[in-house]
PDB file of N, CA and C in Angstrom:
ATOM      1  N   UNK A   1       0.848  -1.177   0.000  1.00  0.00           N
ATOM      2  CA  UNK A   1       0.000   0.000   0.000  1.00  0.00           C
ATOM      3  C   UNK A   1       0.893   1.239   0.000  1.00  0.00           C
ATOM      4  N   UNK A   2       0.511   2.216  -0.797  1.00  0.00           N
ATOM      5  CA  UNK A   2       1.244   3.475  -0.860  1.00  0.00           C
ATOM      6  C   UNK A   2       0.500   4.503  -0.019  1.00  0.00           C
ATOM      7  N   UNK A   3       1.210   5.146   0.883  1.00  0.00           N
ATOM      8  CA  UNK A   3       0.632   6.211   1.693  1.00  0.00           C
ATOM      9  C   UNK A   3       1.111   7.534   1.092  1.00  0.00           C
ATOM     10  N   UNK A   4       0.187   8.319   0.586  1.00  0.00           N
ATOM     11  CA  UNK A   4       0.540   9.595  -0.022  1.00  0.00           C
ATOM     12  C   UNK A   4       0.639  10.676   1.047  1.00  0.00           C
ATOM     13  N   UNK A   5       1.513  11.645   0.839  1.00  0.00           N
ATOM     14  CA  UNK A   5       1.658  12.717   1.826  1.00  0.00           C
ATOM     15  C   UNK A   5       0.419  13.621   1.870  1.00  0.00           C
ATOM     16  N   UNK A   6       0.195  14.220   3.021  1.00  0.00           N
ATOM     17  CA  UNK A   6      -0.919  15.143   3.203  1.00  0.00           C
ATOM     18  C   UNK A   6      -0.809  16.278   2.197  1.00  0.00           C
ATOM     19  N   UNK A   7      -1.907  16.558   1.520  1.00  0.00           N
ATOM     20  CA  UNK A   7      -1.942  17.676   0.583  1.00  0.00           C
ATOM     21  C   UNK A   7      -1.635  17.320  -0.856  1.00  0.00           C
ATOM     22  N   UNK A   8      -1.280  16.073  -1.149  1.00  0.00           N
ATOM     23  CA  UNK A   8      -0.921  15.697  -2.517  1.00  0.00           C
ATOM     24  C   UNK A   8      -2.098  15.904  -3.477  1.00  0.00           C
ATOM     25  N   UNK A   9      -3.310  15.789  -2.985  1.00  0.00           N
ATOM     26  CA  UNK A   9      -4.497  15.987  -3.822  1.00  0.00           C
ATOM     27  C   UNK A   9      -4.911  17.448  -3.915  1.00  0.00           C
ATOM     28  N   UNK A  10      -4.252  18.299  -3.132  1.00  0.00           N
ATOM     29  CA  UNK A  10      -4.634  19.703  -3.080  1.00  0.00           C
ATOM     30  C   UNK A  10      -5.476  20.027  -1.867  1.00  0.00           C
ATOM     31  N   UNK A  11      -5.993  18.992  -1.189  1.00  0.00           N
ATOM     32  CA  UNK A  11      -6.750  19.190   0.039  1.00  0.00           C
ATOM     33  C   UNK A  11      -5.823  18.920   1.218  1.00  0.00           C
ATOM     34  N   UNK A  12      -5.975  19.710   2.256  1.00  0.00           N
ATOM     35  CA  UNK A  12      -5.110  19.536   3.414  1.00  0.00           C
ATOM     36  C   UNK A  12      -5.821  19.995   4.676  1.00  0.00           C
ATOM     37  N   UNK A  13      -5.312  19.551   5.792  1.00  0.00           N
ATOM     38  CA  UNK A  13      -5.818  19.937   7.106  1.00  0.00           C
ATOM     39  C   UNK A  13      -5.195  21.281   7.466  1.00  0.00           C
ATOM     40  N   UNK A  14      -6.004  22.278   7.722  1.00  0.00           N
ATOM     41  CA  UNK A  14      -5.481  23.616   7.990  1.00  0.00           C
ATOM     42  C   UNK A  14      -4.566  23.658   9.214  1.00  0.00           C
ATOM     43  N   UNK A  15      -4.721  22.715  10.128  1.00  0.00           N
ATOM     44  CA  UNK A  15      -3.846  22.670  11.300  1.00  0.00           C
ATOM     45  C   UNK A  15      -2.452  22.173  10.929  1.00  0.00           C
ATOM     46  N   UNK A  16      -2.359  21.370   9.864  1.00  0.00           N
ATOM     47  CA  UNK A  16      -1.063  20.850   9.427  1.00  0.00           C
ATOM     48  C   UNK A  16      -0.303  21.857   8.573  1.00  0.00           C
ATOM     49  N   UNK A  17      -0.989  22.863   8.107  1.00  0.00           N
ATOM     50  CA  UNK A  17      -0.366  23.857   7.229  1.00  0.00           C
ATOM     51  C   UNK A  17      -0.471  23.438   5.773  1.00  0.00           C
ATOM     52  N   UNK A  18      -0.257  24.408   4.903  1.00  0.00           N
ATOM     53  CA  UNK A  18      -0.338  24.135   3.467  1.00  0.00           C
ATOM     54  C   UNK A  18       0.804  23.244   3.021  1.00  0.00           C
ATOM     55  N   UNK A  19       0.548  22.367   2.061  1.00  0.00           N
ATOM     56  CA  UNK A  19       1.625  21.531   1.522  1.00  0.00           C
ATOM     57  C   UNK A  19       2.593  22.396   0.699  1.00  0.00           C
ATOM     58  N   UNK A  20       3.802  21.912   0.464  1.00  0.00           N
ATOM     59  CA  UNK A  20       4.768  22.692  -0.319  1.00  0.00           C
ATOM     60  C   UNK A  20       4.305  22.812  -1.772  1.00  0.00           C
ATOM     61  N   UNK A  21       4.919  23.701  -2.512  1.00  0.00           N
ATOM     62  CA  UNK A  21       4.639  23.842  -3.941  1.00  0.00           C
ATOM     63  C   UNK A  21       5.853  23.396  -4.740  1.00  0.00           C
ATOM     64  N   UNK A  22       5.612  22.748  -5.873  1.00  0.00           N
ATOM     65  CA  UNK A  22       6.716  22.366  -6.751  1.00  0.00           C
ATOM     66  C   UNK A  22       7.153  23.578  -7.564  1.00  0.00           C
ATOM     67  N   UNK A  23       8.350  23.514  -8.097  1.00  0.00           N
ATOM     68  CA  UNK A  23       8.913  24.609  -8.887  1.00  0.00           C
ATOM     69  C   UNK A  23       8.456  24.461 -10.340  1.00  0.00           C
ATOM     70  N   UNK A  24       7.356  25.117 -10.673  1.00  0.00           N
ATOM     71  CA  UNK A  24       6.803  24.988 -12.021  1.00  0.00           C
ATOM     72  C   UNK A  24       7.684  25.644 -13.071  1.00  0.00           C
ATOM     73  N   UNK A  25       8.446  26.661 -12.692  1.00  0.00           N
ATOM     74  CA  UNK A  25       9.340  27.292 -13.676  1.00  0.00           C
ATOM     75  C   UNK A  25      10.433  26.309 -14.095  1.00  0.00           C
ATOM     76  N   UNK A  26      10.938  25.515 -13.165  1.00  0.00           N
ATOM     77  CA  UNK A  26      11.936  24.492 -13.504  1.00  0.00           C
ATOM     78  C   UNK A  26      11.304  23.407 -14.375  1.00  0.00           C
ATOM     79  N   UNK A  27      10.095  22.971 -14.030  1.00  0.00           N
ATOM     80  CA  UNK A  27       9.377  21.975 -14.828  1.00  0.00           C
ATOM     81  C   UNK A  27       9.180  22.482 -16.259  1.00  0.00           C
ATOM     82  N   UNK A  28       8.786  23.732 -16.406  1.00  0.00           N
ATOM     83  CA  UNK A  28       8.567  24.309 -17.727  1.00  0.00           C
ATOM     84  C   UNK A  28       9.879  24.355 -18.526  1.00  0.00           C
ATOM     85  N   UNK A  29      10.960  24.787 -17.898  1.00  0.00           N
ATOM     86  CA  UNK A  29      12.266  24.831 -18.573  1.00  0.00           C
ATOM     87  C   UNK A  29      12.704  23.439 -19.020  1.00  0.00           C
ATOM     88  N   UNK A  30      12.504  22.445 -18.149  1.00  0.00           N
ATOM     89  CA  UNK A  30      12.874  21.072 -18.495  1.00  0.00           C
ATOM     90  C   UNK A  30      12.046  20.546 -19.661  1.00  0.00           C
ATOM     91  N   UNK A  31      10.754  20.806 -19.652  1.00  0.00           N
ATOM     92  CA  UNK A  31       9.895  20.339 -20.745  1.00  0.00           C
ATOM     93  C   UNK A  31      10.327  20.945 -22.076  1.00  0.00           C
ATOM     94  N   UNK A  32      10.543  22.253 -22.109  1.00  0.00           N
ATOM     95  CA  UNK A  32      10.960  22.905 -23.346  1.00  0.00           C
ATOM     96  C   UNK A  32      12.348  22.429 -23.772  1.00  0.00           C
ATOM     97  N   UNK A  33      13.255  22.270 -22.810  1.00  0.00           N
ATOM     98  CA  UNK A  33      14.612  21.821 -23.117  1.00  0.00           C
ATOM     99  C   UNK A  33      14.659  20.401 -23.655  1.00  0.00           C
ATOM    100  N   UNK A  34      13.933  19.499 -23.015  1.00  0.00           N
ATOM    101  CA  UNK A  34      13.909  18.100 -23.460  1.00  0.00           C
ATOM    102  C   UNK A  34      13.252  17.982 -24.830  1.00  0.00           C
ATOM    103  N   UNK A  35      12.167  18.722 -25.039  1.00  0.00           N
ATOM    104  CA  UNK A  35      11.495  18.684 -26.345  1.00  0.00           C
ATOM    105  C   UNK A  35      12.433  19.196 -27.437  1.00  0.00           C
ATOM    106  N   UNK A  36      13.090  20.314 -27.206  1.00  0.00           N
ATOM    107  CA  UNK A  36      13.984  20.890 -28.218  1.00  0.00           C
ATOM    108  C   UNK A  36      15.171  19.973 -28.495  1.00  0.00           C
ATOM    109  N   UNK A  37      15.741  19.412 -27.451  1.00  0.00           N
ATOM    110  CA  UNK A  37      16.927  18.542 -27.587  1.00  0.00           C
ATOM    111  C   UNK A  37      16.615  17.254 -28.342  1.00  0.00           C
ATOM    112  N   UNK A  38      15.374  16.797 -28.228  1.00  0.00           N
ATOM    113  CA  UNK A  38      15.011  15.516 -28.846  1.00  0.00           C
ATOM    114  C   UNK A  38      14.205  15.671 -30.135  1.00  0.00           C
ATOM    115  N   UNK A  39      14.130  16.882 -30.647  1.00  0.00           N
ATOM    116  CA  UNK A  39      13.423  17.103 -31.906  1.00  0.00           C
ATOM    117  C   UNK A  39      11.922  17.229 -31.770  1.00  0.00           C
ATOM    118  N   UNK A  40      11.447  17.470 -30.562  1.00  0.00           N
ATOM    119  CA  UNK A  40      10.015  17.628 -30.321  1.00  0.00           C
ATOM    120  C   UNK A  40       9.619  19.090 -30.250  1.00  0.00           C
ATOM    121  N   UNK A  41       8.346  19.317 -29.999  1.00  0.00           N
ATOM    122  CA  UNK A  41       7.822  20.677 -29.896  1.00  0.00           C
ATOM    123  C   UNK A  41       6.783  20.721 -28.782  1.00  0.00           C
ATOM    124  N   UNK A  42       6.907  21.705 -27.901  1.00  0.00           N
ATOM    125  CA  UNK A  42       5.897  21.899 -26.858  1.00  0.00           C
ATOM    126  C   UNK A  42       4.691  22.576 -27.496  1.00  0.00           C
ATOM    127  N   UNK A  43       3.535  21.934 -27.401  1.00  0.00           N
ATOM    128  CA  UNK A  43       2.301  22.490 -27.954  1.00  0.00           C
ATOM    129  C   UNK A  43       1.546  23.317 -26.927  1.00  0.00           C
ATOM    130  N   UNK A  44       1.589  22.876 -25.671  1.00  0.00           N
ATOM    131  CA  UNK A  44       0.847  23.534 -24.594  1.00  0.00           C
ATOM    132  C   UNK A  44       1.610  23.367 -23.287  1.00  0.00           C
ATOM    133  N   UNK A  45       1.605  24.408 -22.471  1.00  0.00           N
ATOM    134  CA  UNK A  45       2.073  24.294 -21.094  1.00  0.00           C
ATOM    135  C   UNK A  45       1.024  24.973 -20.227  1.00  0.00           C
ATOM    136  N   UNK A  46       0.467  24.237 -19.280  1.00  0.00           N
ATOM    137  CA  UNK A  46      -0.581  24.767 -18.407  1.00  0.00           C
ATOM    138  C   UNK A  46      -0.201  24.573 -16.949  1.00  0.00           C
ATOM    139  N   UNK A  47      -0.321  25.629 -16.175  1.00  0.00           N
ATOM    140  CA  UNK A  47      -0.085  25.546 -14.733  1.00  0.00           C
ATOM    141  C   UNK A  47      -1.318  24.972 -14.046  1.00  0.00           C
ATOM    142  N   UNK A  48      -1.136  24.507 -12.829  1.00  0.00           N
ATOM    143  CA  UNK A  48      -2.264  24.020 -12.034  1.00  0.00           C
ATOM    144  C   UNK A  48      -3.217  25.180 -11.783  1.00  0.00           C
ATOM    145  N   UNK A  49      -4.504  24.868 -11.685  1.00  0.00           N
ATOM    146  CA  UNK A  49      -5.488  25.896 -11.359  1.00  0.00           C
ATOM    147  C   UNK A  49      -6.490  25.324 -10.360  1.00  0.00           C
ATOM    148  N   UNK A  50      -7.603  25.994 -10.188  1.00  0.00           N
ATOM    149  CA  UNK A  50      -8.559  25.557  -9.165  1.00  0.00           C
ATOM    150  C   UNK A  50      -9.196  24.206  -9.479  1.00  0.00           C
ATOM    151  N   UNK A  51      -9.187  23.789 -10.736  1.00  0.00           N
ATOM    152  CA  UNK A  51      -9.836  22.518 -11.084  1.00  0.00           C
ATOM    153  C   UNK A  51      -8.858  21.346 -11.177  1.00  0.00           C
ATOM    154  N   UNK A  52      -7.564  21.608 -11.146  1.00  0.00           N
ATOM    155  CA  UNK A  52      -6.567  20.534 -11.200  1.00  0.00           C
ATOM    156  C   UNK A  52      -5.527  20.735 -10.110  1.00  0.00           C
ATOM    157  N   UNK A  53      -4.843  19.677  -9.753  1.00  0.00           N
ATOM    158  CA  UNK A  53      -3.747  19.787  -8.789  1.00  0.00           C
ATOM    159  C   UNK A  53      -2.429  19.446  -9.474  1.00  0.00           C
ATOM    160  N   UNK A  54      -2.367  19.676 -10.780  1.00  0.00           N
ATOM    161  CA  UNK A  54      -1.158  19.379 -11.531  1.00  0.00           C
ATOM    162  C   UNK A  54      -0.976  20.369 -12.676  1.00  0.00           C
ATOM    163  N   UNK A  55       0.277  20.581 -13.031  1.00  0.00           N
ATOM    164  CA  UNK A  55       0.618  21.316 -14.246  1.00  0.00           C
ATOM    165  C   UNK A  55       0.893  20.270 -15.310  1.00  0.00           C
ATOM    166  N   UNK A  56       0.743  20.648 -16.569  1.00  0.00           N
ATOM    167  CA  UNK A  56       1.061  19.684 -17.611  1.00  0.00           C
ATOM    168  C   UNK A  56       1.642  20.364 -18.838  1.00  0.00           C
ATOM    169  N   UNK A  57       2.378  19.554 -19.579  1.00  0.00           N
ATOM    170  CA  UNK A  57       2.998  19.982 -20.814  1.00  0.00           C
ATOM    171  C   UNK A  57       2.596  18.992 -21.892  1.00  0.00           C
ATOM    172  N   UNK A  58       2.154  19.491 -23.029  1.00  0.00           N
ATOM    173  CA  UNK A  58       1.784  18.635 -24.168  1.00  0.00           C
ATOM    174  C   UNK A  58       2.886  18.766 -25.208  1.00  0.00           C
ATOM    175  N   UNK A  59       3.546  17.662 -25.507  1.00  0.00           N
ATOM    176  CA  UNK A  59       4.704  17.656 -26.407  1.00  0.00           C
ATOM    177  C   UNK A  59       4.405  16.782 -27.618  1.00  0.00           C
ATOM    178  N   UNK A  60       4.852  17.225 -28.784  1.00  0.00           N
ATOM    179  CA  UNK A  60       4.671  16.458 -30.018  1.00  0.00           C
ATOM    180  C   UNK A  60       6.033  16.039 -30.559  1.00  0.00           C
ATOM    181  N   UNK A  61       6.170  14.731 -30.865  1.00  0.00           N
ATOM    182  CA  UNK A  61       7.358  14.165 -31.499  1.00  0.00           C
ATOM    183  C   UNK A  61       6.917  13.327 -32.678  1.00  0.00           C
ATOM    184  N   UNK A  62       7.421  13.611 -33.840  1.00  0.00           N
ATOM    185  CA  UNK A  62       7.165  12.778 -35.031  1.00  0.00           C
ATOM    186  C   UNK A  62       5.701  12.362 -35.177  1.00  0.00           C
ATOM    187  N   UNK A  63       4.791  13.286 -34.945  1.00  0.00           N
ATOM    188  CA  UNK A  63       3.370  12.990 -35.099  1.00  0.00           C
ATOM    189  C   UNK A  63       2.687  12.417 -33.875  1.00  0.00           C
ATOM    190  N   UNK A  64       3.444  12.009 -32.872  1.00  0.00           N
ATOM    191  CA  UNK A  64       2.866  11.484 -31.627  1.00  0.00           C
ATOM    192  C   UNK A  64       2.847  12.582 -30.572  1.00  0.00           C
ATOM    193  N   UNK A  65       1.822  12.557 -29.729  1.00  0.00           N
ATOM    194  CA  UNK A  65       1.728  13.531 -28.641  1.00  0.00           C
ATOM    195  C   UNK A  65       1.818  12.827 -27.291  1.00  0.00           C
ATOM    196  N   UNK A  66       2.407  13.526 -26.333  1.00  0.00           N
ATOM    197  CA  UNK A  66       2.580  13.013 -24.980  1.00  0.00           C
ATOM    198  C   UNK A  66       2.285  14.140 -24.001  1.00  0.00           C
ATOM    199  N   UNK A  67       1.556  13.829 -22.949  1.00  0.00           N
ATOM    200  CA  UNK A  67       1.320  14.779 -21.865  1.00  0.00           C
ATOM    201  C   UNK A  67       2.244  14.400 -20.711  1.00  0.00           C
ATOM    202  N   UNK A  68       2.949  15.377 -20.174  1.00  0.00           N
ATOM    203  CA  UNK A  68       3.784  15.176 -18.995  1.00  0.00           C
ATOM    204  C   UNK A  68       3.144  16.006 -17.889  1.00  0.00           C
ATOM    205  N   UNK A  69       2.779  15.351 -16.786  1.00  0.00           N
ATOM    206  CA  UNK A  69       2.065  16.008 -15.696  1.00  0.00           C
ATOM    207  C   UNK A  69       2.942  16.061 -14.452  1.00  0.00           C
ATOM    208  N   UNK A  70       2.880  17.171 -13.729  1.00  0.00           N
ATOM    209  CA  UNK A  70       3.615  17.325 -12.476  1.00  0.00           C
ATOM    210  C   UNK A  70       2.642  17.772 -11.394  1.00  0.00           C
ATOM    211  N   UNK A  71       2.622  17.034 -10.288  1.00  0.00           N
ATOM    212  CA  UNK A  71       1.780  17.396  -9.150  1.00  0.00           C
ATOM    213  C   UNK A  71       2.154  18.790  -8.670  1.00  0.00           C
ATOM    214  N   UNK A  72       1.172  19.571  -8.269  1.00  0.00           N
ATOM    215  CA  UNK A  72       1.399  20.952  -7.838  1.00  0.00           C
ATOM    216  C   UNK A  72       2.131  21.046  -6.495  1.00  0.00           C
ATOM    217  N   UNK A  73       2.054  19.993  -5.686  1.00  0.00           N
ATOM    218  CA  UNK A  73       2.606  20.078  -4.328  1.00  0.00           C
ATOM    219  C   UNK A  73       3.812  19.185  -4.062  1.00  0.00           C
ATOM    220  N   UNK A  74       3.941  18.112  -4.797  1.00  0.00           N
ATOM    221  CA  UNK A  74       5.044  17.185  -4.560  1.00  0.00           C
ATOM    222  C   UNK A  74       5.660  16.784  -5.902  1.00  0.00           C
ATOM    223  N   UNK A  75       6.911  16.378  -5.917  1.00  0.00           N
ATOM    224  CA  UNK A  75       7.575  16.053  -7.196  1.00  0.00           C
ATOM    225  C   UNK A  75       7.158  14.691  -7.751  1.00  0.00           C
ATOM    226  N   UNK A  76       5.860  14.534  -8.012  1.00  0.00           N
ATOM    227  CA  UNK A  76       5.324  13.322  -8.619  1.00  0.00           C
ATOM    228  C   UNK A  76       5.047  13.628 -10.087  1.00  0.00           C
ATOM    229  N   UNK A  77       5.653  12.844 -10.948  1.00  0.00           N
ATOM    230  CA  UNK A  77       5.558  13.050 -12.385  1.00  0.00           C
ATOM    231  C   UNK A  77       4.815  11.880 -13.005  1.00  0.00           C
ATOM    232  N   UNK A  78       3.984  12.163 -13.997  1.00  0.00           N
ATOM    233  CA  UNK A  78       3.257  11.115 -14.728  1.00  0.00           C
ATOM    234  C   UNK A  78       3.247  11.477 -16.202  1.00  0.00           C
ATOM    235  N   UNK A  79       3.042  10.469 -17.047  1.00  0.00           N
ATOM    236  CA  UNK A  79       2.917  10.686 -18.486  1.00  0.00           C
ATOM    237  C   UNK A  79       1.637  10.022 -18.959  1.00  0.00           C
ATOM    238  N   UNK A  80       1.005  10.644 -19.951  1.00  0.00           N
ATOM    239  CA  UNK A  80      -0.243  10.106 -20.499  1.00  0.00           C
ATOM    240  C   UNK A  80      -0.331  10.444 -21.982  1.00  0.00           C
ATOM    241  N   UNK A  81      -1.073   9.631 -22.721  1.00  0.00           N
ATOM    242  CA  UNK A  81      -1.261   9.946 -24.135  1.00  0.00           C
ATOM    243  C   UNK A  81      -2.499  10.816 -24.348  1.00  0.00           C
ATOM    244  N   UNK A  82      -3.309  11.003 -23.304  1.00  0.00           N
ATOM    245  CA  UNK A  82      -4.474  11.886 -23.354  1.00  0.00           C
ATOM    246  C   UNK A  82      -4.848  12.271 -21.928  1.00  0.00           C
ATOM    247  N   UNK A  83      -5.512  13.405 -21.799  1.00  0.00           N
ATOM    248  CA  UNK A  83      -6.006  13.834 -20.490  1.00  0.00           C
ATOM    249  C   UNK A  83      -7.506  14.022 -20.613  1.00  0.00           C
ATOM    250  N   UNK A  84      -8.261  13.417 -19.701  1.00  0.00           N
ATOM    251  CA  UNK A  84      -9.713  13.582 -19.670  1.00  0.00           C
ATOM    252  C   UNK A  84     -10.089  14.317 -18.412  1.00  0.00           C
ATOM    253  N   UNK A  85     -10.504  15.547 -18.524  1.00  0.00           N
ATOM    254  CA  UNK A  85     -10.807  16.339 -17.342  1.00  0.00           C
ATOM    255  C   UNK A  85     -12.138  15.968 -16.693  1.00  0.00           C
ATOM    256  N   UNK A  86     -12.929  15.126 -17.364  1.00  0.00           N
ATOM    257  CA  UNK A  86     -14.169  14.648 -16.758  1.00  0.00           C
ATOM    258  C   UNK A  86     -13.942  13.329 -16.031  1.00  0.00           C
ATOM    259  N   UNK A  87     -12.754  12.784 -16.137  1.00  0.00           N
ATOM    260  CA  UNK A  87     -12.425  11.496 -15.522  1.00  0.00           C
ATOM    261  C   UNK A  87     -10.923  11.361 -15.461  1.00  0.00           C
ATOM    262  N   UNK A  88     -10.443  10.164 -15.651  1.00  0.00           N
ATOM    263  CA  UNK A  88      -9.006   9.939 -15.567  1.00  0.00           C
ATOM    264  C   UNK A  88      -8.390   9.892 -16.959  1.00  0.00           C
ATOM    265  N   UNK A  89      -7.062  10.110 -17.053  1.00  0.00           N
ATOM    266  CA  UNK A  89      -6.391   9.977 -18.349  1.00  0.00           C
ATOM    267  C   UNK A  89      -6.593   8.575 -18.917  1.00  0.00           C
ATOM    268  N   UNK A  90      -6.557   8.456 -20.244  1.00  0.00           N
ATOM    269  CA  UNK A  90      -6.827   7.158 -20.864  1.00  0.00           C
ATOM    270  C   UNK A  90      -5.731   6.149 -20.582  1.00  0.00           C
ATOM    271  N   UNK A  91      -4.496   6.607 -20.445  1.00  0.00           N
ATOM    272  CA  UNK A  91      -3.433   5.696 -20.037  1.00  0.00           C
ATOM    273  C   UNK A  91      -2.325   6.498 -19.380  1.00  0.00           C
ATOM    274  N   UNK A  92      -1.785   5.983 -18.324  1.00  0.00           N
ATOM    275  CA  UNK A  92      -0.716   6.690 -17.619  1.00  0.00           C
ATOM    276  C   UNK A  92       0.391   5.724 -17.249  1.00  0.00           C
ATOM    277  N   UNK A  93       1.553   6.273 -17.106  1.00  0.00           N
ATOM    278  CA  UNK A  93       2.707   5.525 -16.597  1.00  0.00           C
ATOM    279  C   UNK A  93       3.364   6.407 -15.550  1.00  0.00           C
ATOM    280  N   UNK A  94       3.640   5.844 -14.447  1.00  0.00           N
ATOM    281  CA  UNK A  94       4.343   6.590 -13.415  1.00  0.00           C
ATOM    282  C   UNK A  94       5.839   6.449 -13.627  1.00  0.00           C
ATOM    283  N   UNK A  95       6.602   7.491 -13.420  1.00  0.00           N
ATOM    284  CA  UNK A  95       8.050   7.394 -13.575  1.00  0.00           C
ATOM    285  C   UNK A  95       8.767   7.852 -12.348  1.00  0.00           C
TER     286      UNK A  95
END
């Protein structure tokens, strides 16, 4: 069983204090750098907002698209071939 830290979902106990924030500027630089270095192109970069607890980058390589997601509070990274905001991504891999 995996025990996730308090606040990973964006909800937290006010007595415990707010969870930390990840460095989205570093995540953005890495996404653009990796895409450029590998011949890809960043199509979209979105920061976390009130409806999500993650930032994401949409990258295109040779006709294929990949979403790279970063949790807003902890350094948890995921990849998906699609994001469904009404439910879960169609496929994900944790790295």
